[in-house]
Amino acid sequence: MEKRLTKSQFMAALSETWGLSKKEAEEYYNKFVALLYKEIGRSGEIMLPGLGKFAKKHRAARKGRNPLTGADINIPAKTVLKFGVNKAAKDALL
C-alpha cells in the first residue's frame, strides 16, 4: 500500500492541476473548506456532486461498556458529522 499524500503534496498537486501557484491553490482550497463549514452549519448538509454528501446527524444516548473494567457506562447524545460516498465515486474507486 502506498503512502497517502501529505498536505504539501496535495497542495502541490492542486496547484499543478489548476495551473496556479501553491499559495493560490491553498487559498482556494481554504475558501472551499470554509464554504463547506458554513453550509453544513447553516443547513446541516452539503452535497458534493460526483463525490458524496456531508451531513450532521443526531446520535441518541446509549449504553456502552468500559473495555478495561467491563463496567456499564452511559454515552450521552451528540451530533456527529457523517460523509456518504455517492454511487459514481464508489464505482470509480472500488
N, C-alpha and C. Protein backbone atom coordinates (compact mmCIF):
# COMPACT_ATOMS: atom_id res chain seq x y z
N MET A 1 0.85 -1.18 0.00
CA MET A 1 0.00 0.00 0.00
C MET A 1 0.89 1.24 0.00
N GLU A 2 0.55 2.18 -0.88
CA GLU A 2 1.34 3.40 -0.98
C GLU A 2 0.97 4.37 0.14
N LYS A 3 1.92 5.25 0.46
CA LYS A 3 1.67 6.27 1.47
C LYS A 3 0.67 7.28 0.94
N ARG A 4 -0.12 7.84 1.84
CA ARG A 4 -1.07 8.86 1.43
C ARG A 4 -0.36 10.19 1.24
N LEU A 5 -1.02 11.09 0.53
CA LEU A 5 -0.46 12.41 0.27
C LEU A 5 -0.39 13.24 1.55
N THR A 6 0.69 13.97 1.69
CA THR A 6 0.77 14.95 2.77
C THR A 6 0.04 16.21 2.30
N LYS A 7 -0.18 17.13 3.22
CA LYS A 7 -0.87 18.36 2.84
C LYS A 7 -0.08 19.12 1.79
N SER A 8 1.24 19.21 1.95
CA SER A 8 2.04 19.96 0.98
C SER A 8 2.04 19.27 -0.38
N GLN A 9 2.05 17.94 -0.42
CA GLN A 9 1.97 17.21 -1.69
C GLN A 9 0.60 17.42 -2.33
N PHE A 10 -0.44 17.43 -1.52
CA PHE A 10 -1.79 17.66 -2.02
C PHE A 10 -1.91 19.06 -2.62
N MET A 11 -1.39 20.06 -1.92
CA MET A 11 -1.44 21.43 -2.43
C MET A 11 -0.61 21.57 -3.70
N ALA A 12 0.53 20.88 -3.78
CA ALA A 12 1.35 20.91 -4.99
C ALA A 12 0.59 20.29 -6.17
N ALA A 13 -0.11 19.19 -5.91
CA ALA A 13 -0.91 18.54 -6.96
C ALA A 13 -2.05 19.45 -7.42
N LEU A 14 -2.71 20.11 -6.47
CA LEU A 14 -3.78 21.05 -6.84
C LEU A 14 -3.23 22.20 -7.67
N SER A 15 -2.11 22.75 -7.25
CA SER A 15 -1.55 23.89 -7.98
C SER A 15 -1.15 23.49 -9.39
N GLU A 16 -0.62 22.29 -9.55
CA GLU A 16 -0.24 21.81 -10.88
C GLU A 16 -1.49 21.57 -11.75
N THR A 17 -2.50 20.95 -11.16
CA THR A 17 -3.73 20.65 -11.90
C THR A 17 -4.45 21.92 -12.31
N TRP A 18 -4.52 22.89 -11.40
CA TRP A 18 -5.25 24.12 -11.66
C TRP A 18 -4.41 25.18 -12.37
N GLY A 19 -3.10 24.95 -12.50
CA GLY A 19 -2.23 25.93 -13.13
C GLY A 19 -2.04 27.19 -12.30
N LEU A 20 -1.99 27.01 -10.99
CA LEU A 20 -1.83 28.13 -10.07
C LEU A 20 -0.56 27.96 -9.26
N SER A 21 -0.18 29.00 -8.52
CA SER A 21 0.92 28.86 -7.58
C SER A 21 0.43 28.03 -6.40
N LYS A 22 1.35 27.48 -5.64
CA LYS A 22 0.96 26.69 -4.46
C LYS A 22 0.18 27.54 -3.47
N LYS A 23 0.60 28.79 -3.32
CA LYS A 23 -0.07 29.70 -2.39
C LYS A 23 -1.51 29.95 -2.83
N GLU A 24 -1.71 30.20 -4.12
CA GLU A 24 -3.06 30.44 -4.64
C GLU A 24 -3.93 29.19 -4.50
N ALA A 25 -3.36 28.03 -4.79
CA ALA A 25 -4.10 26.77 -4.66
C ALA A 25 -4.54 26.56 -3.22
N GLU A 26 -3.65 26.85 -2.27
CA GLU A 26 -4.00 26.69 -0.86
C GLU A 26 -5.09 27.69 -0.44
N GLU A 27 -5.03 28.90 -0.97
CA GLU A 27 -6.06 29.89 -0.66
C GLU A 27 -7.43 29.42 -1.17
N TYR A 28 -7.47 28.94 -2.42
CA TYR A 28 -8.74 28.44 -2.98
C TYR A 28 -9.25 27.23 -2.19
N TYR A 29 -8.35 26.35 -1.82
CA TYR A 29 -8.74 25.18 -1.03
C TYR A 29 -9.31 25.61 0.32
N ASN A 30 -8.65 26.55 0.98
CA ASN A 30 -9.13 27.03 2.28
C ASN A 30 -10.49 27.70 2.16
N LYS A 31 -10.72 28.43 1.07
CA LYS A 31 -12.03 29.04 0.84
C LYS A 31 -13.10 27.98 0.62
N PHE A 32 -12.75 26.92 -0.10
CA PHE A 32 -13.67 25.80 -0.33
C PHE A 32 -14.05 25.14 0.99
N VAL A 33 -13.07 24.88 1.84
CA VAL A 33 -13.33 24.26 3.14
C VAL A 33 -14.20 25.18 4.00
N ALA A 34 -13.92 26.48 3.99
CA ALA A 34 -14.73 27.44 4.75
C ALA A 34 -16.18 27.43 4.25
N LEU A 35 -16.37 27.32 2.94
CA LEU A 35 -17.71 27.23 2.37
C LEU A 35 -18.42 25.96 2.86
N LEU A 36 -17.71 24.85 2.89
CA LEU A 36 -18.28 23.60 3.41
C LEU A 36 -18.75 23.79 4.85
N TYR A 37 -17.89 24.34 5.69
CA TYR A 37 -18.23 24.54 7.10
C TYR A 37 -19.46 25.43 7.24
N LYS A 38 -19.48 26.53 6.48
CA LYS A 38 -20.58 27.49 6.56
C LYS A 38 -21.90 26.83 6.15
N GLU A 39 -21.89 26.09 5.04
CA GLU A 39 -23.11 25.48 4.53
C GLU A 39 -23.60 24.35 5.45
N ILE A 40 -22.69 23.55 5.97
CA ILE A 40 -23.09 22.48 6.90
C ILE A 40 -23.66 23.09 8.17
N GLY A 41 -23.06 24.17 8.64
CA GLY A 41 -23.59 24.85 9.82
C GLY A 41 -24.95 25.46 9.58
N ARG A 42 -25.17 25.99 8.37
CA ARG A 42 -26.43 26.64 8.03
C ARG A 42 -27.56 25.64 7.80
N SER A 43 -27.33 24.66 6.93
CA SER A 43 -28.41 23.75 6.54
C SER A 43 -28.28 22.33 7.09
N GLY A 44 -27.13 22.01 7.65
CA GLY A 44 -26.95 20.67 8.21
C GLY A 44 -26.40 19.66 7.24
N GLU A 45 -26.28 20.03 5.94
CA GLU A 45 -25.69 19.11 4.98
C GLU A 45 -25.24 19.86 3.74
N ILE A 46 -24.36 19.21 2.98
CA ILE A 46 -23.93 19.75 1.70
C ILE A 46 -23.61 18.58 0.77
N MET A 47 -24.08 18.69 -0.47
CA MET A 47 -23.83 17.67 -1.48
C MET A 47 -22.66 18.11 -2.35
N LEU A 48 -21.70 17.22 -2.52
CA LEU A 48 -20.58 17.47 -3.42
C LEU A 48 -20.78 16.58 -4.64
N PRO A 49 -21.30 17.12 -5.74
CA PRO A 49 -21.60 16.31 -6.91
C PRO A 49 -20.38 15.51 -7.38
N GLY A 50 -20.61 14.25 -7.65
CA GLY A 50 -19.53 13.37 -8.10
C GLY A 50 -18.71 12.78 -6.98
N LEU A 51 -18.99 13.18 -5.73
CA LEU A 51 -18.20 12.69 -4.60
C LEU A 51 -19.08 12.11 -3.50
N GLY A 52 -19.95 12.92 -2.92
CA GLY A 52 -20.80 12.43 -1.85
C GLY A 52 -21.45 13.56 -1.09
N LYS A 53 -21.91 13.25 0.12
CA LYS A 53 -22.66 14.23 0.91
C LYS A 53 -22.18 14.22 2.36
N PHE A 54 -21.89 15.43 2.88
CA PHE A 54 -21.64 15.62 4.30
C PHE A 54 -22.96 15.98 4.94
N ALA A 55 -23.25 15.39 6.10
CA ALA A 55 -24.48 15.72 6.80
C ALA A 55 -24.29 15.58 8.31
N LYS A 56 -24.92 16.51 9.05
CA LYS A 56 -24.94 16.39 10.51
C LYS A 56 -26.04 15.41 10.87
N LYS A 57 -25.74 14.50 11.79
CA LYS A 57 -26.73 13.53 12.27
C LYS A 57 -26.73 13.54 13.79
N HIS A 58 -27.91 13.37 14.35
CA HIS A 58 -28.04 13.28 15.80
C HIS A 58 -27.87 11.82 16.21
N ARG A 59 -26.98 11.58 17.13
CA ARG A 59 -26.78 10.24 17.65
C ARG A 59 -27.40 10.19 19.05
N ALA A 60 -28.35 9.30 19.25
CA ALA A 60 -29.07 9.19 20.52
C ALA A 60 -28.16 8.68 21.64
N ALA A 61 -28.55 8.98 22.87
CA ALA A 61 -27.81 8.46 24.03
C ALA A 61 -27.94 6.94 24.03
N ARG A 62 -26.90 6.28 24.53
CA ARG A 62 -26.92 4.82 24.53
C ARG A 62 -26.05 4.28 25.66
N LYS A 63 -26.21 3.00 25.91
CA LYS A 63 -25.39 2.31 26.90
C LYS A 63 -24.12 1.81 26.24
N GLY A 64 -23.05 1.80 26.98
CA GLY A 64 -21.78 1.29 26.49
C GLY A 64 -21.10 0.50 27.58
N ARG A 65 -19.92 0.02 27.28
CA ARG A 65 -19.18 -0.76 28.25
C ARG A 65 -17.72 -0.31 28.23
N ASN A 66 -17.19 -0.07 29.41
CA ASN A 66 -15.78 0.27 29.54
C ASN A 66 -14.97 -0.99 29.22
N PRO A 67 -14.15 -0.99 28.18
CA PRO A 67 -13.43 -2.21 27.81
C PRO A 67 -12.38 -2.63 28.84
N LEU A 68 -11.90 -1.68 29.62
CA LEU A 68 -10.88 -2.00 30.61
C LEU A 68 -11.48 -2.68 31.84
N THR A 69 -12.59 -2.12 32.36
CA THR A 69 -13.17 -2.65 33.59
C THR A 69 -14.41 -3.51 33.35
N GLY A 70 -15.03 -3.36 32.18
CA GLY A 70 -16.26 -4.10 31.91
C GLY A 70 -17.49 -3.43 32.50
N ALA A 71 -17.32 -2.26 33.13
CA ALA A 71 -18.44 -1.58 33.76
C ALA A 71 -19.33 -0.92 32.71
N ASP A 72 -20.64 -0.92 32.96
CA ASP A 72 -21.58 -0.25 32.07
C ASP A 72 -21.42 1.26 32.22
N ILE A 73 -21.51 1.97 31.08
CA ILE A 73 -21.43 3.43 31.10
C ILE A 73 -22.54 3.99 30.23
N ASN A 74 -22.93 5.22 30.52
CA ASN A 74 -23.91 5.92 29.71
C ASN A 74 -23.17 6.84 28.74
N ILE A 75 -23.44 6.69 27.45
CA ILE A 75 -22.84 7.55 26.44
C ILE A 75 -23.89 8.59 26.07
N PRO A 76 -23.58 9.87 26.27
CA PRO A 76 -24.59 10.91 26.04
C PRO A 76 -24.89 11.10 24.56
N ALA A 77 -26.05 11.69 24.27
CA ALA A 77 -26.43 12.02 22.91
C ALA A 77 -25.49 13.10 22.39
N LYS A 78 -25.27 13.09 21.07
CA LYS A 78 -24.44 14.12 20.48
C LYS A 78 -24.72 14.21 18.98
N THR A 79 -24.25 15.29 18.38
CA THR A 79 -24.37 15.48 16.95
C THR A 79 -23.02 15.13 16.33
N VAL A 80 -23.05 14.34 15.25
CA VAL A 80 -21.83 13.92 14.57
C VAL A 80 -21.91 14.31 13.10
N LEU A 81 -20.78 14.34 12.45
CA LEU A 81 -20.73 14.64 11.03
C LEU A 81 -20.47 13.34 10.28
N LYS A 82 -21.32 13.04 9.30
CA LYS A 82 -21.20 11.82 8.51
C LYS A 82 -20.91 12.20 7.07
N PHE A 83 -20.19 11.32 6.38
CA PHE A 83 -19.96 11.50 4.95
C PHE A 83 -20.39 10.24 4.24
N GLY A 84 -21.25 10.41 3.26
CA GLY A 84 -21.71 9.29 2.46
C GLY A 84 -21.19 9.43 1.04
N VAL A 85 -20.50 8.41 0.55
CA VAL A 85 -19.95 8.43 -0.80
C VAL A 85 -21.06 8.09 -1.78
N ASN A 86 -21.16 8.82 -2.89
CA ASN A 86 -22.23 8.54 -3.85
C ASN A 86 -21.83 7.40 -4.79
N LYS A 87 -22.77 6.92 -5.56
CA LYS A 87 -22.58 5.75 -6.40
C LYS A 87 -21.48 5.96 -7.44
N ALA A 88 -21.42 7.13 -8.05
CA ALA A 88 -20.41 7.39 -9.07
C ALA A 88 -18.99 7.26 -8.50
N ALA A 89 -18.79 7.78 -7.30
CA ALA A 89 -17.47 7.69 -6.66
C ALA A 89 -17.16 6.24 -6.29
N LYS A 90 -18.14 5.53 -5.77
CA LYS A 90 -17.93 4.11 -5.42
C LYS A 90 -17.53 3.31 -6.65
N ASP A 91 -18.27 3.53 -7.75
CA ASP A 91 -17.99 2.79 -8.97
C ASP A 91 -16.60 3.10 -9.51
N ALA A 92 -16.17 4.35 -9.39
CA ALA A 92 -14.86 4.76 -9.88
C ALA A 92 -13.72 4.23 -9.02
N LEU A 93 -13.95 4.08 -7.72
CA LEU A 93 -12.88 3.73 -6.79
C LEU A 93 -12.82 2.27 -6.39
N LEU A 94 -13.94 1.58 -6.44
CA LEU A 94 -13.95 0.19 -5.96
C LEU A 94 -13.94 -0.81 -7.08
